[in-house]
Amino acid sequence: MKIFAQRVKALRQERKKTQKEMAEYLEVGLRAYQYYEGAKHYPDVPGLMKMADLFGVSTDYLLGRSEKR
């Protein structure tokens, strides 16, 4: 799901957050977060919901199931 990685990175950059800040917010290691943006791993459901809440988008948008934020 490359779309997830692309959207998470773009949203993080829009918010001017660092990867380290995102990792801390999600309570994961920096490497784990970097894997999210690299499309190597994906967050668990609570992590996905936390990202959606932070960015003000739907989980469907993050997952590429919708174009509507």
PDB file of N, CA and C in Angstrom:
ATOM      1  N   MET A   1       0.841  -1.192   0.000  1.00  0.00           N
ATOM      2  CA  MET A   1       0.000   0.000   0.000  1.00  0.00           C
ATOM      3  C   MET A   1       0.880   1.247   0.000  1.00  0.00           C
ATOM      4  N   LYS A   2       1.453   1.473  -1.132  1.00  0.00           N
ATOM      5  CA  LYS A   2       2.335   2.619  -1.289  1.00  0.00           C
ATOM      6  C   LYS A   2       1.585   3.933  -1.067  1.00  0.00           C
ATOM      7  N   ILE A   3       0.291   3.964  -1.381  1.00  0.00           N
ATOM      8  CA  ILE A   3      -0.503   5.186  -1.221  1.00  0.00           C
ATOM      9  C   ILE A   3      -0.534   5.625   0.236  1.00  0.00           C
ATOM     10  N   PHE A   4      -0.609   4.662   1.162  1.00  0.00           N
ATOM     11  CA  PHE A   4      -0.593   4.982   2.588  1.00  0.00           C
ATOM     12  C   PHE A   4       0.698   5.719   2.942  1.00  0.00           C
ATOM     13  N   ALA A   5       1.824   5.173   2.524  1.00  0.00           N
ATOM     14  CA  ALA A   5       3.120   5.777   2.820  1.00  0.00           C
ATOM     15  C   ALA A   5       3.216   7.190   2.242  1.00  0.00           C
ATOM     16  N   GLN A   6       2.759   7.353   1.018  1.00  0.00           N
ATOM     17  CA  GLN A   6       2.820   8.671   0.373  1.00  0.00           C
ATOM     18  C   GLN A   6       1.947   9.689   1.106  1.00  0.00           C
ATOM     19  N   ARG A   7       0.761   9.266   1.473  1.00  0.00           N
ATOM     20  CA  ARG A   7      -0.154  10.196   2.138  1.00  0.00           C
ATOM     21  C   ARG A   7       0.325  10.569   3.536  1.00  0.00           C
ATOM     22  N   VAL A   8       0.827   9.590   4.265  1.00  0.00           N
ATOM     23  CA  VAL A   8       1.324   9.881   5.617  1.00  0.00           C
ATOM     24  C   VAL A   8       2.487  10.865   5.546  1.00  0.00           C
ATOM     25  N   LYS A   9       3.391  10.644   4.624  1.00  0.00           N
ATOM     26  CA  LYS A   9       4.542  11.548   4.481  1.00  0.00           C
ATOM     27  C   LYS A   9       4.084  12.954   4.097  1.00  0.00           C
ATOM     28  N   ALA A  10       3.188  13.048   3.129  1.00  0.00           N
ATOM     29  CA  ALA A  10       2.703  14.359   2.691  1.00  0.00           C
ATOM     30  C   ALA A  10       1.980  15.091   3.824  1.00  0.00           C
ATOM     31  N   LEU A  11       1.156  14.375   4.567  1.00  0.00           N
ATOM     32  CA  LEU A  11       0.421  14.999   5.672  1.00  0.00           C
ATOM     33  C   LEU A  11       1.376  15.436   6.779  1.00  0.00           C
ATOM     34  N   ARG A  12       2.379  14.619   7.050  1.00  0.00           N
ATOM     35  CA  ARG A  12       3.375  14.985   8.070  1.00  0.00           C
ATOM     36  C   ARG A  12       4.095  16.260   7.653  1.00  0.00           C
ATOM     37  N   GLN A  13       4.476  16.343   6.398  1.00  0.00           N
ATOM     38  CA  GLN A  13       5.192  17.524   5.915  1.00  0.00           C
ATOM     39  C   GLN A  13       4.298  18.758   5.926  1.00  0.00           C
ATOM     40  N   GLU A  14       3.013  18.587   5.604  1.00  0.00           N
ATOM     41  CA  GLU A  14       2.072  19.712   5.665  1.00  0.00           C
ATOM     42  C   GLU A  14       2.002  20.283   7.082  1.00  0.00           C
ATOM     43  N   ARG A  15       2.054  19.408   8.058  1.00  0.00           N
ATOM     44  CA  ARG A  15       1.980  19.810   9.472  1.00  0.00           C
ATOM     45  C   ARG A  15       3.332  20.236  10.033  1.00  0.00           C
ATOM     46  N   LYS A  16       4.364  20.149   9.191  1.00  0.00           N
ATOM     47  CA  LYS A  16       5.720  20.513   9.588  1.00  0.00           C
ATOM     48  C   LYS A  16       6.186  19.737  10.825  1.00  0.00           C
ATOM     49  N   LYS A  17       5.906  18.440  10.802  1.00  0.00           N
ATOM     50  CA  LYS A  17       6.335  17.544  11.872  1.00  0.00           C
ATOM     51  C   LYS A  17       7.523  16.730  11.377  1.00  0.00           C
ATOM     52  N   THR A  18       8.413  16.394  12.289  1.00  0.00           N
ATOM     53  CA  THR A  18       9.526  15.515  11.937  1.00  0.00           C
ATOM     54  C   THR A  18       9.095  14.069  12.119  1.00  0.00           C
ATOM     55  N   GLN A  19       9.864  13.171  11.547  1.00  0.00           N
ATOM     56  CA  GLN A  19       9.579  11.754  11.738  1.00  0.00           C
ATOM     57  C   GLN A  19       9.699  11.394  13.217  1.00  0.00           C
ATOM     58  N   LYS A  20      10.648  11.989  13.893  1.00  0.00           N
ATOM     59  CA  LYS A  20      10.836  11.728  15.320  1.00  0.00           C
ATOM     60  C   LYS A  20       9.616  12.179  16.125  1.00  0.00           C
ATOM     61  N   GLU A  21       9.087  13.343  15.804  1.00  0.00           N
ATOM     62  CA  GLU A  21       7.889  13.829  16.499  1.00  0.00           C
ATOM     63  C   GLU A  21       6.702  12.897  16.269  1.00  0.00           C
ATOM     64  N   MET A  22       6.576  12.404  15.051  1.00  0.00           N
ATOM     65  CA  MET A  22       5.490  11.483  14.746  1.00  0.00           C
ATOM     66  C   MET A  22       5.653  10.174  15.517  1.00  0.00           C
ATOM     67  N   ALA A  23       6.864   9.669  15.555  1.00  0.00           N
ATOM     68  CA  ALA A  23       7.120   8.426  16.286  1.00  0.00           C
ATOM     69  C   ALA A  23       6.765   8.590  17.764  1.00  0.00           C
ATOM     70  N   GLU A  24       7.150   9.706  18.335  1.00  0.00           N
ATOM     71  CA  GLU A  24       6.835   9.962  19.744  1.00  0.00           C
ATOM     72  C   GLU A  24       5.332  10.061  19.954  1.00  0.00           C
ATOM     73  N   TYR A  25       4.641  10.756  19.068  1.00  0.00           N
ATOM     74  CA  TYR A  25       3.190  10.911  19.177  1.00  0.00           C
ATOM     75  C   TYR A  25       2.488   9.554  19.100  1.00  0.00           C
ATOM     76  N   LEU A  26       2.971   8.698  18.210  1.00  0.00           N
ATOM     77  CA  LEU A  26       2.355   7.388  18.001  1.00  0.00           C
ATOM     78  C   LEU A  26       2.865   6.338  18.994  1.00  0.00           C
ATOM     79  N   GLU A  27       3.854   6.749  19.792  1.00  0.00           N
ATOM     80  CA  GLU A  27       4.451   5.850  20.795  1.00  0.00           C
ATOM     81  C   GLU A  27       5.065   4.611  20.156  1.00  0.00           C
ATOM     82  N   VAL A  28       5.819   4.859  19.075  1.00  0.00           N
ATOM     83  CA  VAL A  28       6.574   3.805  18.401  1.00  0.00           C
ATOM     84  C   VAL A  28       8.008   4.302  18.232  1.00  0.00           C
ATOM     85  N   GLY A  29       8.895   3.397  17.907  1.00  0.00           N
ATOM     86  CA  GLY A  29      10.272   3.790  17.648  1.00  0.00           C
ATOM     87  C   GLY A  29      10.399   4.558  16.346  1.00  0.00           C
ATOM     88  N   LEU A  30      11.454   5.324  16.243  1.00  0.00           N
ATOM     89  CA  LEU A  30      11.689   6.105  15.025  1.00  0.00           C
ATOM     90  C   LEU A  30      11.768   5.190  13.803  1.00  0.00           C
ATOM     91  N   ARG A  31      12.478   4.082  13.924  1.00  0.00           N
ATOM     92  CA  ARG A  31      12.617   3.155  12.797  1.00  0.00           C
ATOM     93  C   ARG A  31      11.247   2.615  12.370  1.00  0.00           C
ATOM     94  N   ALA A  32      10.390   2.304  13.331  1.00  0.00           N
ATOM     95  CA  ALA A  32       9.043   1.806  13.000  1.00  0.00           C
ATOM     96  C   ALA A  32       8.289   2.848  12.191  1.00  0.00           C
ATOM     97  N   TYR A  33       8.371   4.110  12.616  1.00  0.00           N
ATOM     98  CA  TYR A  33       7.680   5.161  11.864  1.00  0.00           C
ATOM     99  C   TYR A  33       8.279   5.302  10.463  1.00  0.00           C
ATOM    100  N   GLN A  34       9.593   5.239  10.360  1.00  0.00           N
ATOM    101  CA  GLN A  34      10.232   5.339   9.053  1.00  0.00           C
ATOM    102  C   GLN A  34       9.777   4.209   8.138  1.00  0.00           C
ATOM    103  N   TYR A  35       9.533   3.045   8.701  1.00  0.00           N
ATOM    104  CA  TYR A  35       9.010   1.929   7.908  1.00  0.00           C
ATOM    105  C   TYR A  35       7.599   2.232   7.401  1.00  0.00           C
ATOM    106  N   TYR A  36       6.815   2.977   8.164  1.00  0.00           N
ATOM    107  CA  TYR A  36       5.482   3.371   7.691  1.00  0.00           C
ATOM    108  C   TYR A  36       5.613   4.207   6.414  1.00  0.00           C
ATOM    109  N   GLU A  37       6.508   5.191   6.457  1.00  0.00           N
ATOM    110  CA  GLU A  37       6.685   6.059   5.296  1.00  0.00           C
ATOM    111  C   GLU A  37       7.396   5.349   4.147  1.00  0.00           C
ATOM    112  N   GLY A  38       8.074   4.278   4.447  1.00  0.00           N
ATOM    113  CA  GLY A  38       8.760   3.511   3.418  1.00  0.00           C
ATOM    114  C   GLY A  38       7.929   2.357   2.879  1.00  0.00           C
ATOM    115  N   ALA A  39       6.691   2.242   3.356  1.00  0.00           N
ATOM    116  CA  ALA A  39       5.754   1.195   2.928  1.00  0.00           C
ATOM    117  C   ALA A  39       6.271  -0.211   3.225  1.00  0.00           C
ATOM    118  N   LYS A  40       7.041  -0.330   4.322  1.00  0.00           N
ATOM    119  CA  LYS A  40       7.552  -1.641   4.723  1.00  0.00           C
ATOM    120  C   LYS A  40       6.715  -2.246   5.838  1.00  0.00           C
ATOM    121  N   HIS A  41       6.139  -1.397   6.672  1.00  0.00           N
ATOM    122  CA  HIS A  41       5.275  -1.834   7.771  1.00  0.00           C
ATOM    123  C   HIS A  41       4.127  -0.840   7.879  1.00  0.00           C
ATOM    124  N   TYR A  42       3.102  -1.246   8.608  1.00  0.00           N
ATOM    125  CA  TYR A  42       1.927  -0.396   8.780  1.00  0.00           C
ATOM    126  C   TYR A  42       1.531  -0.367  10.250  1.00  0.00           C
ATOM    127  N   PRO A  43       0.911   0.725  10.683  1.00  0.00           N
ATOM    128  CA  PRO A  43       0.527   0.818  12.094  1.00  0.00           C
ATOM    129  C   PRO A  43      -0.624  -0.130  12.422  1.00  0.00           C
ATOM    130  N   ASP A  44      -0.776  -0.395  13.716  1.00  0.00           N
ATOM    131  CA  ASP A  44      -1.942  -1.159  14.149  1.00  0.00           C
ATOM    132  C   ASP A  44      -3.162  -0.236  14.076  1.00  0.00           C
ATOM    133  N   VAL A  45      -4.334  -0.775  14.311  1.00  0.00           N
ATOM    134  CA  VAL A  45      -5.572   0.007  14.172  1.00  0.00           C
ATOM    135  C   VAL A  45      -5.581   1.228  15.094  1.00  0.00           C
ATOM    136  N   PRO A  46      -5.231   1.100  16.382  1.00  0.00           N
ATOM    137  CA  PRO A  46      -5.209   2.314  17.219  1.00  0.00           C
ATOM    138  C   PRO A  46      -4.236   3.373  16.682  1.00  0.00           C
ATOM    139  N   GLY A  47      -3.096   2.936  16.156  1.00  0.00           N
ATOM    140  CA  GLY A  47      -2.138   3.879  15.574  1.00  0.00           C
ATOM    141  C   GLY A  47      -2.688   4.560  14.336  1.00  0.00           C
ATOM    142  N   LEU A  48      -3.388   3.808  13.516  1.00  0.00           N
ATOM    143  CA  LEU A  48      -4.013   4.358  12.313  1.00  0.00           C
ATOM    144  C   LEU A  48      -5.055   5.415  12.695  1.00  0.00           C
ATOM    145  N   MET A  49      -5.853   5.102  13.696  1.00  0.00           N
ATOM    146  CA  MET A  49      -6.879   6.051  14.144  1.00  0.00           C
ATOM    147  C   MET A  49      -6.233   7.307  14.736  1.00  0.00           C
ATOM    148  N   LYS A  50      -5.136   7.133  15.450  1.00  0.00           N
ATOM    149  CA  LYS A  50      -4.433   8.275  16.038  1.00  0.00           C
ATOM    150  C   LYS A  50      -3.885   9.196  14.936  1.00  0.00           C
ATOM    151  N   MET A  51      -3.353   8.592  13.879  1.00  0.00           N
ATOM    152  CA  MET A  51      -2.853   9.385  12.740  1.00  0.00           C
ATOM    153  C   MET A  51      -3.991  10.154  12.086  1.00  0.00           C
ATOM    154  N   ALA A  52      -5.098   9.479  11.851  1.00  0.00           N
ATOM    155  CA  ALA A  52      -6.244  10.124  11.213  1.00  0.00           C
ATOM    156  C   ALA A  52      -6.726  11.304  12.051  1.00  0.00           C
ATOM    157  N   ASP A  53      -6.791  11.123  13.361  1.00  0.00           N
ATOM    158  CA  ASP A  53      -7.216  12.210  14.245  1.00  0.00           C
ATOM    159  C   ASP A  53      -6.238  13.382  14.203  1.00  0.00           C
ATOM    160  N   LEU A  54      -4.944  13.079  14.252  1.00  0.00           N
ATOM    161  CA  LEU A  54      -3.932  14.140  14.223  1.00  0.00           C
ATOM    162  C   LEU A  54      -4.017  14.954  12.940  1.00  0.00           C
ATOM    163  N   PHE A  55      -4.165  14.274  11.814  1.00  0.00           N
ATOM    164  CA  PHE A  55      -4.165  14.951  10.522  1.00  0.00           C
ATOM    165  C   PHE A  55      -5.537  15.470  10.114  1.00  0.00           C
ATOM    166  N   GLY A  56      -6.573  15.093  10.846  1.00  0.00           N
ATOM    167  CA  GLY A  56      -7.921  15.551  10.512  1.00  0.00           C
ATOM    168  C   GLY A  56      -8.446  14.944   9.222  1.00  0.00           C
ATOM    169  N   VAL A  57      -8.098  13.676   8.993  1.00  0.00           N
ATOM    170  CA  VAL A  57      -8.554  12.967   7.804  1.00  0.00           C
ATOM    171  C   VAL A  57      -9.194  11.653   8.231  1.00  0.00           C
ATOM    172  N   SER A  58      -9.834  10.991   7.283  1.00  0.00           N
ATOM    173  CA  SER A  58     -10.437   9.695   7.592  1.00  0.00           C
ATOM    174  C   SER A  58      -9.397   8.585   7.430  1.00  0.00           C
ATOM    175  N   THR A  59      -9.653   7.470   8.078  1.00  0.00           N
ATOM    176  CA  THR A  59      -8.772   6.318   7.881  1.00  0.00           C
ATOM    177  C   THR A  59      -8.877   5.828   6.436  1.00  0.00           C
ATOM    178  N   ASP A  60     -10.046   5.959   5.834  1.00  0.00           N
ATOM    179  CA  ASP A  60     -10.193   5.579   4.423  1.00  0.00           C
ATOM    180  C   ASP A  60      -9.274   6.406   3.531  1.00  0.00           C
ATOM    181  N   TYR A  61      -9.112   7.688   3.848  1.00  0.00           N
ATOM    182  CA  TYR A  61      -8.205   8.523   3.066  1.00  0.00           C
ATOM    183  C   TYR A  61      -6.765   8.023   3.229  1.00  0.00           C
ATOM    184  N   LEU A  62      -6.368   7.751   4.460  1.00  0.00           N
ATOM    185  CA  LEU A  62      -5.002   7.274   4.699  1.00  0.00           C
ATOM    186  C   LEU A  62      -4.733   5.967   3.960  1.00  0.00           C
ATOM    187  N   LEU A  63      -5.733   5.107   3.902  1.00  0.00           N
ATOM    188  CA  LEU A  63      -5.567   3.794   3.289  1.00  0.00           C
ATOM    189  C   LEU A  63      -5.764   3.798   1.781  1.00  0.00           C
ATOM    190  N   GLY A  64      -6.105   4.960   1.216  1.00  0.00           N
ATOM    191  CA  GLY A  64      -6.281   5.053  -0.229  1.00  0.00           C
ATOM    192  C   GLY A  64      -7.643   4.576  -0.706  1.00  0.00           C
ATOM    193  N   ARG A  65      -8.585   4.430   0.209  1.00  0.00           N
ATOM    194  CA  ARG A  65      -9.932   3.965  -0.160  1.00  0.00           C
ATOM    195  C   ARG A  65     -10.851   5.122  -0.518  1.00  0.00           C
ATOM    196  N   SER A  66     -10.391   6.344  -0.281  1.00  0.00           N
ATOM    197  CA  SER A  66     -11.173   7.533  -0.588  1.00  0.00           C
ATOM    198  C   SER A  66     -10.230   8.685  -0.937  1.00  0.00           C
ATOM    199  N   GLU A  67     -10.703   9.557  -1.785  1.00  0.00           N
ATOM    200  CA  GLU A  67      -9.938  10.773  -2.115  1.00  0.00           C
ATOM    201  C   GLU A  67     -10.341  11.920  -1.201  1.00  0.00           C
ATOM    202  N   LYS A  68     -11.446  11.757  -0.505  1.00  0.00           N
ATOM    203  CA  LYS A  68     -11.956  12.797   0.401  1.00  0.00           C
ATOM    204  C   LYS A  68     -11.220  12.700   1.733  1.00  0.00           C
ATOM    205  N   ARG A  69     -10.588  13.799   2.098  1.00  0.00           N
ATOM    206  CA  ARG A  69      -9.859  13.820   3.362  1.00  0.00           C
ATOM    207  C   ARG A  69     -10.809  13.708   4.517  1.00  0.00           C
TER     208      ARG A  69
END
